[in-house]
């Protein structure tokens, strides 16, 4: 029923698992108890146990929902790539003394350059 939400959540969990498999995980202690670090190898082993469950949920969601999510992810990546390209072109126009043309492109882009800059740092790891 809510396959798109489940597929998005699976992607988040898998991204976390990949991060933990590289860097491990640190748990803060409570009160006076010191925190502790779990090694990346252990995190990867634990993830192997959960992967079949995620795969099963993905299968229940259906290929349509999975493909739609992957397509959306690819489209977001492409928007960020094109935004960076436009940012470079606009900057090159300004450097060449073509401020009016650069402003025109920036206006037609329809997205403030600052927003694209934030998106490129936030979304490219997605």
PDB file of N, CA and C in Angstrom:
ATOM      1  N   UNK A   1       0.812  -1.187   0.000  1.00  0.00           N
ATOM      2  CA  UNK A   1       0.000   0.000   0.000  1.00  0.00           C
ATOM      3  C   UNK A   1       0.867   1.267   0.000  1.00  0.00           C
ATOM      4  N   UNK A   2       1.929   1.281   0.791  1.00  0.00           N
ATOM      5  CA  UNK A   2       2.830   2.432   0.855  1.00  0.00           C
ATOM      6  C   UNK A   2       4.221   2.014   0.397  1.00  0.00           C
ATOM      7  N   UNK A   3       4.254   1.347  -0.734  1.00  0.00           N
ATOM      8  CA  UNK A   3       5.518   0.792  -1.222  1.00  0.00           C
ATOM      9  C   UNK A   3       6.579   1.856  -1.419  1.00  0.00           C
ATOM     10  N   UNK A   4       6.202   3.036  -1.909  1.00  0.00           N
ATOM     11  CA  UNK A   4       7.211   4.070  -2.151  1.00  0.00           C
ATOM     12  C   UNK A   4       7.892   4.502  -0.855  1.00  0.00           C
ATOM     13  N   UNK A   5       7.132   4.593   0.220  1.00  0.00           N
ATOM     14  CA  UNK A   5       7.718   4.969   1.510  1.00  0.00           C
ATOM     15  C   UNK A   5       8.656   3.873   2.019  1.00  0.00           C
ATOM     16  N   UNK A   6       8.264   2.612   1.837  1.00  0.00           N
ATOM     17  CA  UNK A   6       9.114   1.506   2.279  1.00  0.00           C
ATOM     18  C   UNK A   6      10.408   1.455   1.477  1.00  0.00           C
ATOM     19  N   UNK A   7      10.304   1.668   0.166  1.00  0.00           N
ATOM     20  CA  UNK A   7      11.504   1.630  -0.681  1.00  0.00           C
ATOM     21  C   UNK A   7      12.463   2.752  -0.282  1.00  0.00           C
ATOM     22  N   UNK A   8      11.919   3.938   0.002  1.00  0.00           N
ATOM     23  CA  UNK A   8      12.770   5.052   0.435  1.00  0.00           C
ATOM     24  C   UNK A   8      13.442   4.731   1.771  1.00  0.00           C
ATOM     25  N   UNK A   9      12.701   4.140   2.678  1.00  0.00           N
ATOM     26  CA  UNK A   9      13.263   3.772   3.986  1.00  0.00           C
ATOM     27  C   UNK A   9      14.338   2.692   3.830  1.00  0.00           C
ATOM     28  N   UNK A  10      14.114   1.740   2.939  1.00  0.00           N
ATOM     29  CA  UNK A  10      15.124   0.710   2.680  1.00  0.00           C
ATOM     30  C   UNK A  10      16.411   1.346   2.170  1.00  0.00           C
ATOM     31  N   UNK A  11      16.286   2.321   1.290  1.00  0.00           N
ATOM     32  CA  UNK A  11      17.465   2.994   0.748  1.00  0.00           C
ATOM     33  C   UNK A  11      18.235   3.707   1.862  1.00  0.00           C
ATOM     34  N   UNK A  12      17.508   4.355   2.777  1.00  0.00           N
ATOM     35  CA  UNK A  12      18.167   5.030   3.902  1.00  0.00           C
ATOM     36  C   UNK A  12      18.907   4.018   4.771  1.00  0.00           C
ATOM     37  N   UNK A  13      18.250   2.906   5.073  1.00  0.00           N
ATOM     38  CA  UNK A  13      18.869   1.880   5.911  1.00  0.00           C
ATOM     39  C   UNK A  13      20.108   1.299   5.245  1.00  0.00           C
ATOM     40  N   UNK A  14      20.042   1.081   3.937  1.00  0.00           N
ATOM     41  CA  UNK A  14      21.192   0.529   3.239  1.00  0.00           C
ATOM     42  C   UNK A  14      22.342   1.530   3.193  1.00  0.00           C
ATOM     43  N   UNK A  15      22.025   2.814   3.061  1.00  0.00           N
ATOM     44  CA  UNK A  15      23.071   3.841   3.092  1.00  0.00           C
ATOM     45  C   UNK A  15      23.740   3.865   4.466  1.00  0.00           C
ATOM     46  N   UNK A  16      22.945   3.774   5.515  1.00  0.00           N
ATOM     47  CA  UNK A  16      23.515   3.722   6.870  1.00  0.00           C
ATOM     48  C   UNK A  16      24.400   2.490   7.036  1.00  0.00           C
ATOM     49  N   UNK A  17      23.936   1.363   6.514  1.00  0.00           N
ATOM     50  CA  UNK A  17      24.706   0.120   6.629  1.00  0.00           C
ATOM     51  C   UNK A  17      26.039   0.243   5.895  1.00  0.00           C
ATOM     52  N   UNK A  18      26.030   0.858   4.707  1.00  0.00           N
ATOM     53  CA  UNK A  18      27.281   1.049   3.965  1.00  0.00           C
ATOM     54  C   UNK A  18      28.236   1.947   4.757  1.00  0.00           C
ATOM     55  N   UNK A  19      27.692   2.996   5.352  1.00  0.00           N
ATOM     56  CA  UNK A  19      28.523   3.916   6.145  1.00  0.00           C
ATOM     57  C   UNK A  19      29.118   3.185   7.340  1.00  0.00           C
ATOM     58  N   UNK A  20      28.295   2.407   8.048  1.00  0.00           N
ATOM     59  CA  UNK A  20      28.791   1.668   9.218  1.00  0.00           C
ATOM     60  C   UNK A  20      29.835   0.624   8.823  1.00  0.00           C
ATOM     61  N   UNK A  21      29.677   0.021   7.632  1.00  0.00           N
ATOM     62  CA  UNK A  21      30.631  -0.990   7.183  1.00  0.00           C
ATOM     63  C   UNK A  21      32.001  -0.381   6.892  1.00  0.00           C
ATOM     64  N   UNK A  22      32.037   0.926   6.649  1.00  0.00           N
ATOM     65  CA  UNK A  22      33.311   1.599   6.392  1.00  0.00           C
ATOM     66  C   UNK A  22      33.875   2.223   7.665  1.00  0.00           C
ATOM     67  N   UNK A  23      33.018   2.887   8.443  1.00  0.00           N
ATOM     68  CA  UNK A  23      33.480   3.665   9.594  1.00  0.00           C
ATOM     69  C   UNK A  23      33.156   3.051  10.956  1.00  0.00           C
ATOM     70  N   UNK A  24      32.338   2.030  10.989  1.00  0.00           N
ATOM     71  CA  UNK A  24      31.896   1.504  12.264  1.00  0.00           C
ATOM     72  C   UNK A  24      30.816   2.393  12.851  1.00  0.00           C
ATOM     73  N   UNK A  25      30.532   2.185  14.123  1.00  0.00           N
ATOM     74  CA  UNK A  25      29.502   3.006  14.765  1.00  0.00           C
ATOM     75  C   UNK A  25      29.915   3.268  16.201  1.00  0.00           C
ATOM     76  N   UNK A  26      29.624   4.478  16.649  1.00  0.00           N
ATOM     77  CA  UNK A  26      29.957   4.872  18.010  1.00  0.00           C
ATOM     78  C   UNK A  26      28.664   5.083  18.778  1.00  0.00           C
ATOM     79  N   UNK A  27      28.583   4.492  19.946  1.00  0.00           N
ATOM     80  CA  UNK A  27      27.437   4.672  20.833  1.00  0.00           C
ATOM     81  C   UNK A  27      27.903   5.436  22.064  1.00  0.00           C
ATOM     82  N   UNK A  28      27.267   6.553  22.325  1.00  0.00           N
ATOM     83  CA  UNK A  28      27.610   7.340  23.505  1.00  0.00           C
ATOM     84  C   UNK A  28      27.176   6.599  24.755  1.00  0.00           C
ATOM     85  N   UNK A  29      27.953   6.794  25.790  1.00  0.00           N
ATOM     86  CA  UNK A  29      27.586   6.214  27.067  1.00  0.00           C
ATOM     87  C   UNK A  29      26.539   7.066  27.755  1.00  0.00           C
ATOM     88  N   UNK A  30      25.895   6.492  28.752  1.00  0.00           N
ATOM     89  CA  UNK A  30      24.914   7.220  29.552  1.00  0.00           C
ATOM     90  C   UNK A  30      25.525   7.556  30.896  1.00  0.00           C
ATOM     91  N   UNK A  31      25.253   8.749  31.330  1.00  0.00           N
ATOM     92  CA  UNK A  31      25.779   9.139  32.633  1.00  0.00           C
ATOM     93  C   UNK A  31      27.290   9.086  32.644  1.00  0.00           C
ATOM     94  N   UNK A  32      27.833   8.296  33.558  1.00  0.00           N
ATOM     95  CA  UNK A  32      29.290   8.188  33.669  1.00  0.00           C
ATOM     96  C   UNK A  32      29.857   7.042  32.855  1.00  0.00           C
ATOM     97  N   UNK A  33      28.995   6.275  32.239  1.00  0.00           N
ATOM     98  CA  UNK A  33      29.477   5.157  31.420  1.00  0.00           C
ATOM     99  C   UNK A  33      30.114   5.694  30.144  1.00  0.00           C
ATOM    100  N   UNK A  34      31.294   5.198  29.823  1.00  0.00           N
ATOM    101  CA  UNK A  34      31.929   5.660  28.589  1.00  0.00           C
ATOM    102  C   UNK A  34      31.212   5.077  27.371  1.00  0.00           C
ATOM    103  N   UNK A  35      31.333   5.762  26.265  1.00  0.00           N
ATOM    104  CA  UNK A  35      30.768   5.237  25.032  1.00  0.00           C
ATOM    105  C   UNK A  35      31.645   4.122  24.489  1.00  0.00           C
ATOM    106  N   UNK A  36      31.187   3.492  23.424  1.00  0.00           N
ATOM    107  CA  UNK A  36      32.014   2.452  22.821  1.00  0.00           C
ATOM    108  C   UNK A  36      31.833   2.461  21.307  1.00  0.00           C
ATOM    109  N   UNK A  37      32.884   2.003  20.657  1.00  0.00           N
ATOM    110  CA  UNK A  37      32.921   1.978  19.199  1.00  0.00           C
ATOM    111  C   UNK A  37      32.789   0.534  18.727  1.00  0.00           C
ATOM    112  N   UNK A  38      31.948   0.340  17.724  1.00  0.00           N
ATOM    113  CA  UNK A  38      31.805  -0.989  17.117  1.00  0.00           C
ATOM    114  C   UNK A  38      32.563  -0.954  15.795  1.00  0.00           C
ATOM    115  N   UNK A  39      33.434  -1.896  15.627  1.00  0.00           N
ATOM    116  CA  UNK A  39      34.302  -1.949  14.455  1.00  0.00           C
ATOM    117  C   UNK A  39      33.485  -2.156  13.169  1.00  0.00           C
ATOM    118  N   UNK A  40      33.985  -1.621  12.043  1.00  0.00           N
ATOM    119  CA  UNK A  40      33.284  -1.759  10.767  1.00  0.00           C
ATOM    120  C   UNK A  40      33.020  -3.212  10.364  1.00  0.00           C
ATOM    121  N   UNK A  41      33.965  -4.083  10.667  1.00  0.00           N
ATOM    122  CA  UNK A  41      33.801  -5.494  10.292  1.00  0.00           C
ATOM    123  C   UNK A  41      32.578  -6.101  10.988  1.00  0.00           C
ATOM    124  N   UNK A  42      32.396  -5.756  12.256  1.00  0.00           N
ATOM    125  CA  UNK A  42      31.255  -6.279  13.017  1.00  0.00           C
ATOM    126  C   UNK A  42      29.961  -5.704  12.455  1.00  0.00           C
ATOM    127  N   UNK A  43      29.977  -4.414  12.122  1.00  0.00           N
ATOM    128  CA  UNK A  43      28.784  -3.786  11.528  1.00  0.00           C
ATOM    129  C   UNK A  43      28.420  -4.475  10.216  1.00  0.00           C
ATOM    130  N   UNK A  44      29.422  -4.790   9.397  1.00  0.00           N
ATOM    131  CA  UNK A  44      29.168  -5.464   8.120  1.00  0.00           C
ATOM    132  C   UNK A  44      28.583  -6.853   8.348  1.00  0.00           C
ATOM    133  N   UNK A  45      29.102  -7.566   9.346  1.00  0.00           N
ATOM    134  CA  UNK A  45      28.563  -8.895   9.658  1.00  0.00           C
ATOM    135  C   UNK A  45      27.106  -8.825  10.101  1.00  0.00           C
ATOM    136  N   UNK A  46      26.789  -7.860  10.950  1.00  0.00           N
ATOM    137  CA  UNK A  46      25.419  -7.699  11.426  1.00  0.00           C
ATOM    138  C   UNK A  46      24.506  -7.343  10.258  1.00  0.00           C
ATOM    139  N   UNK A  47      25.001  -6.490   9.370  1.00  0.00           N
ATOM    140  CA  UNK A  47      24.177  -6.100   8.215  1.00  0.00           C
ATOM    141  C   UNK A  47      23.848  -7.298   7.338  1.00  0.00           C
ATOM    142  N   UNK A  48      24.767  -8.247   7.229  1.00  0.00           N
ATOM    143  CA  UNK A  48      24.501  -9.451   6.433  1.00  0.00           C
ATOM    144  C   UNK A  48      23.269 -10.186   6.945  1.00  0.00           C
ATOM    145  N   UNK A  49      23.034 -10.115   8.244  1.00  0.00           N
ATOM    146  CA  UNK A  49      21.863 -10.776   8.834  1.00  0.00           C
ATOM    147  C   UNK A  49      20.567 -10.058   8.461  1.00  0.00           C
ATOM    148  N   UNK A  50      20.630  -8.727   8.315  1.00  0.00           N
ATOM    149  CA  UNK A  50      19.424  -7.948   8.031  1.00  0.00           C
ATOM    150  C   UNK A  50      19.139  -7.811   6.537  1.00  0.00           C
ATOM    151  N   UNK A  51      20.133  -8.031   5.695  1.00  0.00           N
ATOM    152  CA  UNK A  51      19.972  -7.851   4.261  1.00  0.00           C
ATOM    153  C   UNK A  51      18.858  -8.716   3.673  1.00  0.00           C
ATOM    154  N   UNK A  52      18.748  -9.985   4.021  1.00  0.00           N
ATOM    155  CA  UNK A  52      17.652 -10.789   3.457  1.00  0.00           C
ATOM    156  C   UNK A  52      16.264 -10.216   3.788  1.00  0.00           C
ATOM    157  N   UNK A  53      16.112  -9.652   4.969  1.00  0.00           N
ATOM    158  CA  UNK A  53      14.838  -9.033   5.336  1.00  0.00           C
ATOM    159  C   UNK A  53      14.543  -7.817   4.480  1.00  0.00           C
ATOM    160  N   UNK A  54      15.556  -6.993   4.249  1.00  0.00           N
ATOM    161  CA  UNK A  54      15.363  -5.820   3.386  1.00  0.00           C
ATOM    162  C   UNK A  54      15.044  -6.255   1.964  1.00  0.00           C
ATOM    163  N   UNK A  55      15.728  -7.293   1.500  1.00  0.00           N
ATOM    164  CA  UNK A  55      15.458  -7.791   0.152  1.00  0.00           C
ATOM    165  C   UNK A  55      14.023  -8.302   0.030  1.00  0.00           C
ATOM    166  N   UNK A  56      13.540  -8.957   1.067  1.00  0.00           N
ATOM    167  CA  UNK A  56      12.169  -9.467   1.054  1.00  0.00           C
ATOM    168  C   UNK A  56      11.156  -8.316   1.024  1.00  0.00           C
ATOM    169  N   UNK A  57      11.387  -7.299   1.838  1.00  0.00           N
ATOM    170  CA  UNK A  57      10.477  -6.142   1.842  1.00  0.00           C
ATOM    171  C   UNK A  57      10.487  -5.474   0.476  1.00  0.00           C
ATOM    172  N   UNK A  58      11.673  -5.352  -0.122  1.00  0.00           N
ATOM    173  CA  UNK A  58      11.773  -4.754  -1.452  1.00  0.00           C
ATOM    174  C   UNK A  58      10.973  -5.576  -2.469  1.00  0.00           C
ATOM    175  N   UNK A  59      11.050  -6.880  -2.340  1.00  0.00           N
ATOM    176  CA  UNK A  59      10.306  -7.758  -3.250  1.00  0.00           C
ATOM    177  C   UNK A  59       8.803  -7.566  -3.046  1.00  0.00           C
ATOM    178  N   UNK A  60       8.366  -7.451  -1.799  1.00  0.00           N
ATOM    179  CA  UNK A  60       6.949  -7.213  -1.511  1.00  0.00           C
ATOM    180  C   UNK A  60       6.477  -5.878  -2.092  1.00  0.00           C
ATOM    181  N   UNK A  61       7.364  -4.895  -2.098  1.00  0.00           N
ATOM    182  CA  UNK A  61       6.996  -3.580  -2.626  1.00  0.00           C
ATOM    183  C   UNK A  61       6.754  -3.621  -4.129  1.00  0.00           C
ATOM    184  N   UNK A  62       7.381  -4.552  -4.796  1.00  0.00           N
ATOM    185  CA  UNK A  62       7.185  -4.687  -6.232  1.00  0.00           C
ATOM    186  C   UNK A  62       8.228  -3.937  -7.028  1.00  0.00           C
ATOM    187  N   UNK A  63       8.449  -4.441  -8.229  1.00  0.00           N
ATOM    188  CA  UNK A  63       9.479  -3.846  -9.081  1.00  0.00           C
ATOM    189  C   UNK A  63       9.102  -2.435  -9.514  1.00  0.00           C
ATOM    190  N   UNK A  64       7.819  -2.166  -9.656  1.00  0.00           N
ATOM    191  CA  UNK A  64       7.397  -0.832 -10.090  1.00  0.00           C
ATOM    192  C   UNK A  64       7.834   0.239  -9.085  1.00  0.00           C
ATOM    193  N   UNK A  65       7.598  -0.005  -7.805  1.00  0.00           N
ATOM    194  CA  UNK A  65       7.984   0.967  -6.773  1.00  0.00           C
ATOM    195  C   UNK A  65       9.497   1.099  -6.689  1.00  0.00           C
ATOM    196  N   UNK A  66      10.207  -0.008  -6.793  1.00  0.00           N
ATOM    197  CA  UNK A  66      11.667   0.022  -6.722  1.00  0.00           C
ATOM    198  C   UNK A  66      12.233   0.781  -7.911  1.00  0.00           C
ATOM    199  N   UNK A  67      11.713   0.504  -9.102  1.00  0.00           N
ATOM    200  CA  UNK A  67      12.197   1.196 -10.298  1.00  0.00           C
ATOM    201  C   UNK A  67      11.872   2.679 -10.245  1.00  0.00           C
ATOM    202  N   UNK A  68      10.683   3.034  -9.760  1.00  0.00           N
ATOM    203  CA  UNK A  68      10.313   4.450  -9.648  1.00  0.00           C
ATOM    204  C   UNK A  68      11.247   5.172  -8.690  1.00  0.00           C
ATOM    205  N   UNK A  69      11.601   4.542  -7.574  1.00  0.00           N
ATOM    206  CA  UNK A  69      12.508   5.156  -6.615  1.00  0.00           C
ATOM    207  C   UNK A  69      13.887   5.339  -7.229  1.00  0.00           C
ATOM    208  N   UNK A  70      14.382   4.324  -7.905  1.00  0.00           N
ATOM    209  CA  UNK A  70      15.704   4.417  -8.536  1.00  0.00           C
ATOM    210  C   UNK A  70      15.718   5.502  -9.602  1.00  0.00           C
ATOM    211  N   UNK A  71      14.637   5.598 -10.363  1.00  0.00           N
ATOM    212  CA  UNK A  71      14.546   6.636 -11.393  1.00  0.00           C
ATOM    213  C   UNK A  71      14.546   8.028 -10.757  1.00  0.00           C
ATOM    214  N   UNK A  72      13.802   8.195  -9.673  1.00  0.00           N
ATOM    215  CA  UNK A  72      13.766   9.475  -8.965  1.00  0.00           C
ATOM    216  C   UNK A  72      15.151   9.842  -8.439  1.00  0.00           C
ATOM    217  N   UNK A  73      15.848   8.856  -7.900  1.00  0.00           N
ATOM    218  CA  UNK A  73      17.197   9.090  -7.376  1.00  0.00           C
ATOM    219  C   UNK A  73      18.135   9.531  -8.505  1.00  0.00           C
ATOM    220  N   UNK A  74      18.049   8.860  -9.648  1.00  0.00           N
ATOM    221  CA  UNK A  74      18.879   9.220 -10.791  1.00  0.00           C
ATOM    222  C   UNK A  74      18.525  10.609 -11.313  1.00  0.00           C
ATOM    223  N   UNK A  75      17.239  10.940 -11.334  1.00  0.00           N
ATOM    224  CA  UNK A  75      16.819  12.265 -11.795  1.00  0.00           C
ATOM    225  C   UNK A  75      17.341  13.360 -10.874  1.00  0.00           C
ATOM    226  N   UNK A  76      17.297  13.122  -9.573  1.00  0.00           N
ATOM    227  CA  UNK A  76      17.831  14.104  -8.626  1.00  0.00           C
ATOM    228  C   UNK A  76      19.316  14.315  -8.843  1.00  0.00           C
ATOM    229  N   UNK A  77      20.046  13.241  -9.063  1.00  0.00           N
ATOM    230  CA  UNK A  77      21.474  13.339  -9.327  1.00  0.00           C
ATOM    231  C   UNK A  77      21.723  14.145 -10.593  1.00  0.00           C
ATOM    232  N   UNK A  78      20.908  13.909 -11.616  1.00  0.00           N
ATOM    233  CA  UNK A  78      21.062  14.626 -12.875  1.00  0.00           C
ATOM    234  C   UNK A  78      20.734  16.110 -12.725  1.00  0.00           C
ATOM    235  N   UNK A  79      19.723  16.436 -11.930  1.00  0.00           N
ATOM    236  CA  UNK A  79      19.384  17.842 -11.688  1.00  0.00           C
ATOM    237  C   UNK A  79      20.541  18.551 -11.007  1.00  0.00           C
ATOM    238  N   UNK A  80      21.161  17.905 -10.048  1.00  0.00           N
ATOM    239  CA  UNK A  80      22.309  18.503  -9.363  1.00  0.00           C
ATOM    240  C   UNK A  80      23.466  18.680 -10.341  1.00  0.00           C
ATOM    241  N   UNK A  81      23.703  17.684 -11.197  1.00  0.00           N
ATOM    242  CA  UNK A  81      24.785  17.776 -12.181  1.00  0.00           C
ATOM    243  C   UNK A  81      24.554  18.939 -13.138  1.00  0.00           C
ATOM    244  N   UNK A  82      23.342  19.058 -13.649  1.00  0.00           N
ATOM    245  CA  UNK A  82      23.024  20.145 -14.570  1.00  0.00           C
ATOM    246  C   UNK A  82      23.085  21.491 -13.847  1.00  0.00           C
ATOM    247  N   UNK A  83      22.653  21.525 -12.610  1.00  0.00           N
ATOM    248  CA  UNK A  83      22.745  22.753 -11.826  1.00  0.00           C
ATOM    249  C   UNK A  83      24.184  23.212 -11.667  1.00  0.00           C
ATOM    250  N   UNK A  84      25.088  22.263 -11.393  1.00  0.00           N
ATOM    251  CA  UNK A  84      26.510  22.606 -11.264  1.00  0.00           C
ATOM    252  C   UNK A  84      27.052  23.125 -12.597  1.00  0.00           C
ATOM    253  N   UNK A  85      26.637  22.479 -13.682  1.00  0.00           N
ATOM    254  CA  UNK A  85      27.063  22.903 -15.007  1.00  0.00           C
ATOM    255  C   UNK A  85      26.589  24.326 -15.297  1.00  0.00           C
ATOM    256  N   UNK A  86      25.329  24.618 -14.959  1.00  0.00           N
ATOM    257  CA  UNK A  86      24.791  25.969 -15.153  1.00  0.00           C
ATOM    258  C   UNK A  86      25.542  26.972 -14.273  1.00  0.00           C
ATOM    259  N   UNK A  87      25.848  26.572 -13.058  1.00  0.00           N
ATOM    260  CA  UNK A  87      26.588  27.451 -12.153  1.00  0.00           C
ATOM    261  C   UNK A  87      27.948  27.807 -12.754  1.00  0.00           C
ATOM    262  N   UNK A  88      28.643  26.814 -13.310  1.00  0.00           N
ATOM    263  CA  UNK A  88      29.935  27.064 -13.950  1.00  0.00           C
ATOM    264  C   UNK A  88      29.777  27.978 -15.155  1.00  0.00           C
ATOM    265  N   UNK A  89      28.751  27.742 -15.964  1.00  0.00           N
ATOM    266  CA  UNK A  89      28.535  28.562 -17.155  1.00  0.00           C
ATOM    267  C   UNK A  89      28.209  30.003 -16.774  1.00  0.00           C
ATOM    268  N   UNK A  90      27.363  30.179 -15.781  1.00  0.00           N
ATOM    269  CA  UNK A  90      26.997  31.526 -15.330  1.00  0.00           C
ATOM    270  C   UNK A  90      28.226  32.248 -14.783  1.00  0.00           C
ATOM    271  N   UNK A  91      29.036  31.548 -14.014  1.00  0.00           N
ATOM    272  CA  UNK A  91      30.259  32.160 -13.475  1.00  0.00           C
ATOM    273  C   UNK A  91      31.218  32.524 -14.599  1.00  0.00           C
ATOM    274  N   UNK A  92      31.343  31.656 -15.607  1.00  0.00           N
ATOM    275  CA  UNK A  92      32.228  31.939 -16.741  1.00  0.00           C
ATOM    276  C   UNK A  92      31.739  33.167 -17.498  1.00  0.00           C
ATOM    277  N   UNK A  93      30.426  33.295 -17.673  1.00  0.00           N
ATOM    278  CA  UNK A  93      29.878  34.481 -18.342  1.00  0.00           C
ATOM    279  C   UNK A  93      30.188  35.744 -17.548  1.00  0.00           C
ATOM    280  N   UNK A  94      30.027  35.674 -16.242  1.00  0.00           N
ATOM    281  CA  UNK A  94      30.335  36.844 -15.403  1.00  0.00           C
ATOM    282  C   UNK A  94      31.820  37.209 -15.487  1.00  0.00           C
ATOM    283  N   UNK A  95      32.670  36.192 -15.435  1.00  0.00           N
ATOM    284  CA  UNK A  95      34.112  36.430 -15.522  1.00  0.00           C
ATOM    285  C   UNK A  95      34.478  37.083 -16.856  1.00  0.00           C
ATOM    286  N   UNK A  96      33.759  36.695 -17.905  1.00  0.00           N
ATOM    287  CA  UNK A  96      34.017  37.248 -19.235  1.00  0.00           C
ATOM    288  C   UNK A  96      33.357  38.614 -19.425  1.00  0.00           C
ATOM    289  N   UNK A  97      32.687  39.116 -18.388  1.00  0.00           N
ATOM    290  CA  UNK A  97      32.080  40.435 -18.472  1.00  0.00           C
ATOM    291  C   UNK A  97      30.679  40.454 -19.051  1.00  0.00           C
ATOM    292  N   UNK A  98      30.030  39.311 -19.121  1.00  0.00           N
ATOM    293  CA  UNK A  98      28.679  39.218 -19.676  1.00  0.00           C
ATOM    294  C   UNK A  98      27.653  39.062 -18.544  1.00  0.00           C
ATOM    295  N   UNK A  99      27.613  40.051 -17.665  1.00  0.00           N
ATOM    296  CA  UNK A  99      26.749  39.984 -16.486  1.00  0.00           C
ATOM    297  C   UNK A  99      25.265  39.875 -16.847  1.00  0.00           C
ATOM    298  N   UNK A 100      24.825  40.630 -17.848  1.00  0.00           N
ATOM    299  CA  UNK A 100      23.399  40.600 -18.217  1.00  0.00           C
ATOM    300  C   UNK A 100      22.984  39.219 -18.717  1.00  0.00           C
ATOM    301  N   UNK A 101      23.821  38.612 -19.532  1.00  0.00           N
ATOM    302  CA  UNK A 101      23.514  37.266 -20.033  1.00  0.00           C
ATOM    303  C   UNK A 101      23.497  36.280 -18.868  1.00  0.00           C
ATOM    304  N   UNK A 102      24.484  36.393 -17.967  1.00  0.00           N
ATOM    305  CA  UNK A 102      24.556  35.507 -16.799  1.00  0.00           C
ATOM    306  C   UNK A 102      23.308  35.659 -15.936  1.00  0.00           C
ATOM    307  N   UNK A 103      22.878  36.892 -15.702  1.00  0.00           N
ATOM    308  CA  UNK A 103      21.668  37.128 -14.908  1.00  0.00           C
ATOM    309  C   UNK A 103      20.435  36.550 -15.589  1.00  0.00           C
ATOM    310  N   UNK A 104      20.400  36.666 -16.917  1.00  0.00           N
ATOM    311  CA  UNK A 104      19.280  36.091 -17.665  1.00  0.00           C
ATOM    312  C   UNK A 104      19.213  34.581 -17.503  1.00  0.00           C
ATOM    313  N   UNK A 105      20.357  33.921 -17.614  1.00  0.00           N
ATOM    314  CA  UNK A 105      20.391  32.463 -17.418  1.00  0.00           C
ATOM    315  C   UNK A 105      19.991  32.100 -15.992  1.00  0.00           C
ATOM    316  N   UNK A 106      20.481  32.881 -15.044  1.00  0.00           N
ATOM    317  CA  UNK A 106      20.163  32.599 -13.645  1.00  0.00           C
ATOM    318  C   UNK A 106      18.667  32.727 -13.396  1.00  0.00           C
ATOM    319  N   UNK A 107      18.060  33.766 -13.994  1.00  0.00           N
ATOM    320  CA  UNK A 107      16.607  33.946 -13.856  1.00  0.00           C
ATOM    321  C   UNK A 107      15.843  32.804 -14.515  1.00  0.00           C
ATOM    322  N   UNK A 108      16.274  32.410 -15.723  1.00  0.00           N
ATOM    323  CA  UNK A 108      15.581  31.348 -16.457  1.00  0.00           C
ATOM    324  C   UNK A 108      15.768  29.982 -15.799  1.00  0.00           C
ATOM    325  N   UNK A 109      16.855  29.835 -15.080  1.00  0.00           N
ATOM    326  CA  UNK A 109      17.087  28.575 -14.359  1.00  0.00           C
ATOM    327  C   UNK A 109      15.963  28.339 -13.360  1.00  0.00           C
ATOM    328  N   UNK A 110      15.479  29.421 -12.752  1.00  0.00           N
ATOM    329  CA  UNK A 110      14.321  29.317 -11.868  1.00  0.00           C
ATOM    330  C   UNK A 110      14.630  28.824 -10.465  1.00  0.00           C
ATOM    331  N   UNK A 111      15.867  28.524 -10.206  1.00  0.00           N
ATOM    332  CA  UNK A 111      16.275  28.055  -8.884  1.00  0.00           C
ATOM    333  C   UNK A 111      17.439  28.934  -8.449  1.00  0.00           C
ATOM    334  N   UNK A 112      17.360  29.527  -7.267  1.00  0.00           N
ATOM    335  CA  UNK A 112      18.487  30.334  -6.803  1.00  0.00           C
ATOM    336  C   UNK A 112      19.764  29.508  -6.756  1.00  0.00           C
ATOM    337  N   UNK A 113      20.862  30.108  -7.175  1.00  0.00           N
ATOM    338  CA  UNK A 113      22.146  29.406  -7.204  1.00  0.00           C
ATOM    339  C   UNK A 113      22.521  28.865  -5.827  1.00  0.00           C
ATOM    340  N   UNK A 114      22.156  29.605  -4.768  1.00  0.00           N
ATOM    341  CA  UNK A 114      22.480  29.151  -3.419  1.00  0.00           C
ATOM    342  C   UNK A 114      21.800  27.813  -3.120  1.00  0.00           C
ATOM    343  N   UNK A 115      20.579  27.657  -3.615  1.00  0.00           N
ATOM    344  CA  UNK A 115      19.838  26.411  -3.387  1.00  0.00           C
ATOM    345  C   UNK A 115      20.524  25.246  -4.092  1.00  0.00           C
ATOM    346  N   UNK A 116      20.995  25.480  -5.308  1.00  0.00           N
ATOM    347  CA  UNK A 116      21.710  24.430  -6.027  1.00  0.00           C
ATOM    348  C   UNK A 116      23.010  24.064  -5.323  1.00  0.00           C
ATOM    349  N   UNK A 117      23.691  25.066  -4.783  1.00  0.00           N
ATOM    350  CA  UNK A 117      24.939  24.786  -4.079  1.00  0.00           C
ATOM    351  C   UNK A 117      24.702  23.923  -2.856  1.00  0.00           C
ATOM    352  N   UNK A 118      23.603  24.200  -2.124  1.00  0.00           N
ATOM    353  CA  UNK A 118      23.270  23.379  -0.957  1.00  0.00           C
ATOM    354  C   UNK A 118      22.837  21.987  -1.381  1.00  0.00           C
ATOM    355  N   UNK A 119      22.080  21.899  -2.466  1.00  0.00           N
ATOM    356  CA  UNK A 119      21.619  20.589  -2.940  1.00  0.00           C
ATOM    357  C   UNK A 119      22.790  19.729  -3.374  1.00  0.00           C
ATOM    358  N   UNK A 120      23.776  20.342  -3.988  1.00  0.00           N
ATOM    359  CA  UNK A 120      24.909  19.544  -4.467  1.00  0.00           C
ATOM    360  C   UNK A 120      25.714  18.970  -3.325  1.00  0.00           C
ATOM    361  N   UNK A 121      25.755  19.654  -2.180  1.00  0.00           N
ATOM    362  CA  UNK A 121      26.484  19.098  -1.042  1.00  0.00           C
ATOM    363  C   UNK A 121      25.635  18.127  -0.255  1.00  0.00           C
ATOM    364  N   UNK A 122      24.311  18.278  -0.282  1.00  0.00           N
ATOM    365  CA  UNK A 122      23.424  17.421   0.508  1.00  0.00           C
ATOM    366  C   UNK A 122      23.017  16.154  -0.229  1.00  0.00           C
ATOM    367  N   UNK A 123      22.800  16.218  -1.539  1.00  0.00           N
ATOM    368  CA  UNK A 123      22.167  15.129  -2.252  1.00  0.00           C
ATOM    369  C   UNK A 123      23.103  14.226  -3.038  1.00  0.00           C
ATOM    370  N   UNK A 124      24.320  14.633  -3.298  1.00  0.00           N
ATOM    371  CA  UNK A 124      25.163  13.814  -4.112  1.00  0.00           C
ATOM    372  C   UNK A 124      25.541  12.530  -3.414  1.00  0.00           C
ATOM    373  N   UNK A 125      25.472  12.356  -2.223  1.00  0.00           N
ATOM    374  CA  UNK A 125      25.749  11.128  -1.558  1.00  0.00           C
ATOM    375  C   UNK A 125      24.634  10.234  -1.594  1.00  0.00           C
ATOM    376  N   UNK A 126      23.393  10.631  -2.063  1.00  0.00           N
ATOM    377  CA  UNK A 126      22.191   9.842  -2.194  1.00  0.00           C
ATOM    378  C   UNK A 126      22.189   8.883  -3.262  1.00  0.00           C
TER     379      UNK A 126
END
